[in-house]
């Protein structure tokens, strides 16, 4: 318990303003926006942040297994953004083992990507994501040829903040709440639901 508290305090101290992020390439696909991390300071070339827009009730009615890609009924109101990030392998989201130096900047990148989508979609009231426990780890990564290893930490130095469990989920929630003051969190059908103010 004390160990988890220390880790959470460390996480909150590292968050700051969430100003550290990786450069991304944005790709719009209908109501979906994909952000590919495209930065010489990041060792992986196939890491994505995906934000899919749709109706909250439509999204949370689907299983939160994070394996199949949701098919949203766009005739309904578009009031929610489902956020996923990691490496896509087949129809699965996977997450590489990374040290916390990378992880904090990934979270800054996720926050920045969400902000970009929210700025262009003022009607979004909910952010939805699958619990971290549902995402499997992977070492099936495509190396970034522009990566400068002499300036950055090694990729496989795991500090236990990049696991599939509550640490990653707590980090994500802390970043989102920091960037969206007044936001509240709940669970629906095993989805994490952030209600924006």
C-alpha atoms as a PDB file:
ATOM      1  CA  UNK A   1       0.000   0.000   0.000  1.00  0.00           C
ATOM      2  CA  UNK A   2       2.764   2.474   0.968  1.00  0.00           C
ATOM      3  CA  UNK A   3       4.710   1.480  -2.154  1.00  0.00           C
ATOM      4  CA  UNK A   4       1.680   2.275  -4.354  1.00  0.00           C
ATOM      5  CA  UNK A   5       1.201   5.618  -2.582  1.00  0.00           C
ATOM      6  CA  UNK A   6       4.825   6.583  -3.242  1.00  0.00           C
ATOM      7  CA  UNK A   7       4.477   5.684  -6.908  1.00  0.00           C
ATOM      8  CA  UNK A   8       1.258   7.713  -7.238  1.00  0.00           C
ATOM      9  CA  UNK A   9       2.877  10.720  -5.533  1.00  0.00           C
ATOM     10  CA  UNK A  10       5.857  10.411  -7.916  1.00  0.00           C
ATOM     11  CA  UNK A  11       3.446  10.276 -10.835  1.00  0.00           C
ATOM     12  CA  UNK A  12       1.549  13.365  -9.705  1.00  0.00           C
ATOM     13  CA  UNK A  13       4.793  15.300  -9.212  1.00  0.00           C
ATOM     14  CA  UNK A  14       5.974  14.355 -12.713  1.00  0.00           C
ATOM     15  CA  UNK A  15       2.712  15.457 -14.338  1.00  0.00           C
ATOM     16  CA  UNK A  16       3.234  19.169 -13.794  1.00  0.00           C
ATOM     17  CA  UNK A  17       1.399  20.951 -16.587  1.00  0.00           C
ATOM     18  CA  UNK A  18       1.615  17.988 -18.941  1.00  0.00           C
ATOM     19  CA  UNK A  19       3.760  20.127 -21.212  1.00  0.00           C
ATOM     20  CA  UNK A  20       6.229  17.410 -22.248  1.00  0.00           C
ATOM     21  CA  UNK A  21       5.025  15.500 -25.280  1.00  0.00           C
ATOM     22  CA  UNK A  22       6.212  13.835 -28.473  1.00  0.00           C
ATOM     23  CA  UNK A  23       5.662  15.255 -31.948  1.00  0.00           C
ATOM     24  CA  UNK A  24       2.899  13.473 -33.824  1.00  0.00           C
ATOM     25  CA  UNK A  25       1.530  13.109 -37.314  1.00  0.00           C
ATOM     26  CA  UNK A  26      -2.263  13.543 -37.387  1.00  0.00           C
ATOM     27  CA  UNK A  27      -4.423  11.436 -39.700  1.00  0.00           C
ATOM     28  CA  UNK A  28      -8.180  12.058 -39.967  1.00  0.00           C
ATOM     29  CA  UNK A  29     -10.390   9.100 -40.951  1.00  0.00           C
ATOM     30  CA  UNK A  30     -14.028  10.185 -40.944  1.00  0.00           C
ATOM     31  CA  UNK A  31     -14.950  10.727 -37.301  1.00  0.00           C
ATOM     32  CA  UNK A  32     -11.746   9.073 -36.107  1.00  0.00           C
ATOM     33  CA  UNK A  33      -8.476  10.913 -35.514  1.00  0.00           C
ATOM     34  CA  UNK A  34      -5.182   9.011 -35.321  1.00  0.00           C
ATOM     35  CA  UNK A  35      -1.959  10.524 -34.000  1.00  0.00           C
ATOM     36  CA  UNK A  36       1.240   8.650 -34.840  1.00  0.00           C
ATOM     37  CA  UNK A  37       4.223   9.488 -32.639  1.00  0.00           C
ATOM     38  CA  UNK A  38       6.827  10.709 -35.094  1.00  0.00           C
ATOM     39  CA  UNK A  39       9.700  12.000 -32.980  1.00  0.00           C
ATOM     40  CA  UNK A  40      13.482  11.298 -32.945  1.00  0.00           C
ATOM     41  CA  UNK A  41      13.335  11.159 -29.119  1.00  0.00           C
ATOM     42  CA  UNK A  42      10.939   8.181 -29.171  1.00  0.00           C
ATOM     43  CA  UNK A  43      12.320   4.705 -30.017  1.00  0.00           C
ATOM     44  CA  UNK A  44       9.167   3.176 -31.537  1.00  0.00           C
ATOM     45  CA  UNK A  45       7.833   3.894 -35.025  1.00  0.00           C
ATOM     46  CA  UNK A  46       4.442   2.165 -34.701  1.00  0.00           C
ATOM     47  CA  UNK A  47       2.957   3.820 -31.591  1.00  0.00           C
ATOM     48  CA  UNK A  48      -0.457   5.447 -32.039  1.00  0.00           C
ATOM     49  CA  UNK A  49      -3.022   7.510 -30.152  1.00  0.00           C
ATOM     50  CA  UNK A  50      -6.518   6.924 -31.579  1.00  0.00           C
ATOM     51  CA  UNK A  51      -9.558   9.030 -30.736  1.00  0.00           C
ATOM     52  CA  UNK A  52     -12.882   7.733 -32.048  1.00  0.00           C
ATOM     53  CA  UNK A  53     -15.962   9.953 -31.819  1.00  0.00           C
ATOM     54  CA  UNK A  54     -19.478   8.697 -31.190  1.00  0.00           C
ATOM     55  CA  UNK A  55     -22.396   8.524 -28.771  1.00  0.00           C
ATOM     56  CA  UNK A  56     -21.453   7.653 -25.170  1.00  0.00           C
ATOM     57  CA  UNK A  57     -24.268   5.155 -24.632  1.00  0.00           C
ATOM     58  CA  UNK A  58     -23.484   3.501 -27.967  1.00  0.00           C
ATOM     59  CA  UNK A  59     -19.798   3.149 -27.066  1.00  0.00           C
ATOM     60  CA  UNK A  60     -20.203   1.891 -23.485  1.00  0.00           C
ATOM     61  CA  UNK A  61     -22.798  -0.678 -24.574  1.00  0.00           C
ATOM     62  CA  UNK A  62     -19.980  -2.486 -26.412  1.00  0.00           C
ATOM     63  CA  UNK A  63     -17.603  -4.879 -24.651  1.00  0.00           C
ATOM     64  CA  UNK A  64     -14.505  -3.130 -23.349  1.00  0.00           C
ATOM     65  CA  UNK A  65     -12.193  -5.936 -24.487  1.00  0.00           C
ATOM     66  CA  UNK A  66     -10.203  -3.512 -26.650  1.00  0.00           C
ATOM     67  CA  UNK A  67      -9.721  -6.231 -29.253  1.00  0.00           C
ATOM     68  CA  UNK A  68     -12.389  -5.472 -31.837  1.00  0.00           C
ATOM     69  CA  UNK A  69     -12.653  -1.955 -33.215  1.00  0.00           C
ATOM     70  CA  UNK A  70     -15.938  -0.309 -32.154  1.00  0.00           C
ATOM     71  CA  UNK A  71     -18.428   0.510 -34.891  1.00  0.00           C
ATOM     72  CA  UNK A  72     -20.282   3.628 -33.828  1.00  0.00           C
ATOM     73  CA  UNK A  73     -23.723   4.660 -35.059  1.00  0.00           C
ATOM     74  CA  UNK A  74     -22.946   8.170 -36.288  1.00  0.00           C
ATOM     75  CA  UNK A  75     -26.642   8.954 -36.812  1.00  0.00           C
ATOM     76  CA  UNK A  76     -26.754   9.394 -33.028  1.00  0.00           C
ATOM     77  CA  UNK A  77     -25.345  12.439 -31.283  1.00  0.00           C
ATOM     78  CA  UNK A  78     -21.565  12.669 -31.196  1.00  0.00           C
ATOM     79  CA  UNK A  79     -20.924  13.524 -27.549  1.00  0.00           C
ATOM     80  CA  UNK A  80     -18.045  11.234 -26.596  1.00  0.00           C
ATOM     81  CA  UNK A  81     -14.474  10.444 -27.557  1.00  0.00           C
ATOM     82  CA  UNK A  82     -13.090   6.939 -27.005  1.00  0.00           C
ATOM     83  CA  UNK A  83      -9.315   7.159 -26.487  1.00  0.00           C
ATOM     84  CA  UNK A  84      -6.866   4.303 -27.118  1.00  0.00           C
ATOM     85  CA  UNK A  85      -3.091   4.308 -27.389  1.00  0.00           C
ATOM     86  CA  UNK A  86      -0.266   1.867 -27.913  1.00  0.00           C
ATOM     87  CA  UNK A  87       0.851  -0.471 -30.678  1.00  0.00           C
ATOM     88  CA  UNK A  88      -1.816  -1.933 -32.972  1.00  0.00           C
ATOM     89  CA  UNK A  89      -1.313  -5.625 -33.757  1.00  0.00           C
ATOM     90  CA  UNK A  90      -4.160  -7.117 -35.781  1.00  0.00           C
ATOM     91  CA  UNK A  91      -7.331  -5.969 -34.033  1.00  0.00           C
ATOM     92  CA  UNK A  92      -5.637  -5.567 -30.660  1.00  0.00           C
ATOM     93  CA  UNK A  93      -4.128  -2.663 -28.780  1.00  0.00           C
ATOM     94  CA  UNK A  94      -0.850  -3.708 -27.184  1.00  0.00           C
ATOM     95  CA  UNK A  95       1.453  -1.717 -24.925  1.00  0.00           C
ATOM     96  CA  UNK A  96       5.273  -1.893 -25.054  1.00  0.00           C
ATOM     97  CA  UNK A  97       7.436  -2.141 -21.960  1.00  0.00           C
ATOM     98  CA  UNK A  98       8.833   1.369 -21.470  1.00  0.00           C
ATOM     99  CA  UNK A  99      10.489   3.211 -18.646  1.00  0.00           C
ATOM    100  CA  UNK A 100       8.688   6.068 -16.950  1.00  0.00           C
ATOM    101  CA  UNK A 101      10.697   8.711 -18.803  1.00  0.00           C
ATOM    102  CA  UNK A 102       8.924   7.667 -21.985  1.00  0.00           C
ATOM    103  CA  UNK A 103       5.626   6.994 -20.276  1.00  0.00           C
ATOM    104  CA  UNK A 104       5.231  10.507 -18.880  1.00  0.00           C
ATOM    105  CA  UNK A 105       5.828  12.045 -22.313  1.00  0.00           C
ATOM    106  CA  UNK A 106       3.406   9.555 -23.856  1.00  0.00           C
ATOM    107  CA  UNK A 107       0.763  10.748 -21.403  1.00  0.00           C
ATOM    108  CA  UNK A 108       1.559  14.358 -22.320  1.00  0.00           C
ATOM    109  CA  UNK A 109       1.122  13.347 -25.981  1.00  0.00           C
ATOM    110  CA  UNK A 110      -2.211  11.650 -25.252  1.00  0.00           C
ATOM    111  CA  UNK A 111      -3.411  14.760 -23.370  1.00  0.00           C
ATOM    112  CA  UNK A 112      -2.299  17.026 -26.217  1.00  0.00           C
ATOM    113  CA  UNK A 113      -4.048  14.785 -28.779  1.00  0.00           C
ATOM    114  CA  UNK A 114      -7.264  14.846 -26.754  1.00  0.00           C
ATOM    115  CA  UNK A 115      -7.068  18.638 -26.437  1.00  0.00           C
ATOM    116  CA  UNK A 116      -6.670  18.957 -30.207  1.00  0.00           C
ATOM    117  CA  UNK A 117      -9.804  16.882 -30.799  1.00  0.00           C
ATOM    118  CA  UNK A 118     -11.803  18.674 -28.079  1.00  0.00           C
ATOM    119  CA  UNK A 119     -10.849  22.072 -29.525  1.00  0.00           C
ATOM    120  CA  UNK A 120     -12.388  20.988 -32.850  1.00  0.00           C
ATOM    121  CA  UNK A 121     -15.428  19.229 -31.329  1.00  0.00           C
ATOM    122  CA  UNK A 122     -17.023  21.453 -28.699  1.00  0.00           C
ATOM    123  CA  UNK A 123     -19.948  19.037 -28.184  1.00  0.00           C
ATOM    124  CA  UNK A 124     -17.779  16.292 -26.613  1.00  0.00           C
ATOM    125  CA  UNK A 125     -18.876  15.783 -23.002  1.00  0.00           C
ATOM    126  CA  UNK A 126     -17.287  12.413 -22.252  1.00  0.00           C
ATOM    127  CA  UNK A 127     -13.870  10.799 -22.621  1.00  0.00           C
ATOM    128  CA  UNK A 128     -13.990   6.994 -22.599  1.00  0.00           C
ATOM    129  CA  UNK A 129     -11.208   4.452 -22.341  1.00  0.00           C
ATOM    130  CA  UNK A 130     -10.728   0.780 -21.653  1.00  0.00           C
ATOM    131  CA  UNK A 131      -9.223  -0.204 -18.299  1.00  0.00           C
ATOM    132  CA  UNK A 132      -5.463  -0.728 -18.481  1.00  0.00           C
ATOM    133  CA  UNK A 133      -5.823  -4.339 -17.313  1.00  0.00           C
ATOM    134  CA  UNK A 134      -7.413  -5.159 -20.675  1.00  0.00           C
ATOM    135  CA  UNK A 135      -4.334  -4.138 -22.676  1.00  0.00           C
ATOM    136  CA  UNK A 136      -1.621  -6.766 -23.203  1.00  0.00           C
ATOM    137  CA  UNK A 137       2.096  -5.986 -23.192  1.00  0.00           C
ATOM    138  CA  UNK A 138       4.150  -6.437 -26.341  1.00  0.00           C
ATOM    139  CA  UNK A 139       7.703  -6.349 -27.605  1.00  0.00           C
ATOM    140  CA  UNK A 140       6.532  -6.362 -31.253  1.00  0.00           C
ATOM    141  CA  UNK A 141       7.775  -2.901 -31.974  1.00  0.00           C
ATOM    142  CA  UNK A 142       9.088  -1.261 -35.111  1.00  0.00           C
ATOM    143  CA  UNK A 143      12.265   0.716 -34.309  1.00  0.00           C
ATOM    144  CA  UNK A 144      12.347   4.406 -35.139  1.00  0.00           C
ATOM    145  CA  UNK A 145      15.369   4.884 -37.432  1.00  0.00           C
ATOM    146  CA  UNK A 146      15.623   8.555 -36.406  1.00  0.00           C
ATOM    147  CA  UNK A 147      15.869   7.691 -32.696  1.00  0.00           C
ATOM    148  CA  UNK A 148      18.947   9.050 -30.914  1.00  0.00           C
ATOM    149  CA  UNK A 149      19.772   6.474 -28.213  1.00  0.00           C
ATOM    150  CA  UNK A 150      22.656   8.493 -26.785  1.00  0.00           C
ATOM    151  CA  UNK A 151      20.195  11.188 -25.656  1.00  0.00           C
ATOM    152  CA  UNK A 152      17.470   8.901 -24.321  1.00  0.00           C
ATOM    153  CA  UNK A 153      16.982   6.070 -21.825  1.00  0.00           C
ATOM    154  CA  UNK A 154      16.965   2.433 -23.009  1.00  0.00           C
ATOM    155  CA  UNK A 155      13.590   1.112 -24.103  1.00  0.00           C
ATOM    156  CA  UNK A 156      13.422  -2.047 -21.974  1.00  0.00           C
ATOM    157  CA  UNK A 157      14.251  -0.434 -18.640  1.00  0.00           C
ATOM    158  CA  UNK A 158      10.912  -1.171 -16.970  1.00  0.00           C
ATOM    159  CA  UNK A 159      10.183   0.744 -13.762  1.00  0.00           C
ATOM    160  CA  UNK A 160       6.797  -0.900 -13.136  1.00  0.00           C
ATOM    161  CA  UNK A 161       4.913   2.281 -14.035  1.00  0.00           C
ATOM    162  CA  UNK A 162       4.314   0.946 -17.547  1.00  0.00           C
ATOM    163  CA  UNK A 163       2.487  -2.223 -16.492  1.00  0.00           C
ATOM    164  CA  UNK A 164      -1.007  -3.271 -17.593  1.00  0.00           C
ATOM    165  CA  UNK A 165      -2.607  -2.501 -14.267  1.00  0.00           C
ATOM    166  CA  UNK A 166      -3.645   0.283 -11.996  1.00  0.00           C
ATOM    167  CA  UNK A 167      -0.419   2.350 -12.210  1.00  0.00           C
ATOM    168  CA  UNK A 168      -0.908   3.102 -15.911  1.00  0.00           C
ATOM    169  CA  UNK A 169      -4.604   3.678 -15.386  1.00  0.00           C
ATOM    170  CA  UNK A 170      -3.952   6.048 -12.449  1.00  0.00           C
ATOM    171  CA  UNK A 171      -1.398   7.935 -14.521  1.00  0.00           C
ATOM    172  CA  UNK A 172      -3.869   8.356 -17.374  1.00  0.00           C
ATOM    173  CA  UNK A 173      -6.644   9.532 -15.049  1.00  0.00           C
ATOM    174  CA  UNK A 174      -4.319  11.973 -13.294  1.00  0.00           C
ATOM    175  CA  UNK A 175      -3.226  13.523 -16.607  1.00  0.00           C
ATOM    176  CA  UNK A 176      -6.786  13.853 -17.895  1.00  0.00           C
ATOM    177  CA  UNK A 177      -8.080  15.396 -14.681  1.00  0.00           C
ATOM    178  CA  UNK A 178      -5.109  17.793 -14.558  1.00  0.00           C
ATOM    179  CA  UNK A 179      -5.847  18.998 -18.082  1.00  0.00           C
ATOM    180  CA  UNK A 180      -9.651  19.100 -17.550  1.00  0.00           C
ATOM    181  CA  UNK A 181     -10.291  20.671 -14.167  1.00  0.00           C
ATOM    182  CA  UNK A 182     -13.619  19.664 -12.675  1.00  0.00           C
ATOM    183  CA  UNK A 183     -13.775  16.394 -14.628  1.00  0.00           C
ATOM    184  CA  UNK A 184     -15.259  13.420 -12.778  1.00  0.00           C
ATOM    185  CA  UNK A 185     -14.669   9.715 -13.292  1.00  0.00           C
ATOM    186  CA  UNK A 186     -17.045   6.749 -13.211  1.00  0.00           C
ATOM    187  CA  UNK A 187     -17.284   3.234 -14.675  1.00  0.00           C
ATOM    188  CA  UNK A 188     -19.957   1.971 -17.043  1.00  0.00           C
ATOM    189  CA  UNK A 189     -19.970  -1.567 -18.393  1.00  0.00           C
ATOM    190  CA  UNK A 190     -16.250  -1.770 -17.461  1.00  0.00           C
ATOM    191  CA  UNK A 191     -15.406   1.412 -19.427  1.00  0.00           C
ATOM    192  CA  UNK A 192     -13.751   4.331 -17.655  1.00  0.00           C
ATOM    193  CA  UNK A 193     -15.964   7.380 -18.245  1.00  0.00           C
ATOM    194  CA  UNK A 194     -14.566  10.885 -17.702  1.00  0.00           C
ATOM    195  CA  UNK A 195     -17.338  13.479 -17.618  1.00  0.00           C
ATOM    196  CA  UNK A 196     -15.964  16.857 -18.671  1.00  0.00           C
ATOM    197  CA  UNK A 197     -17.113  20.083 -17.084  1.00  0.00           C
END
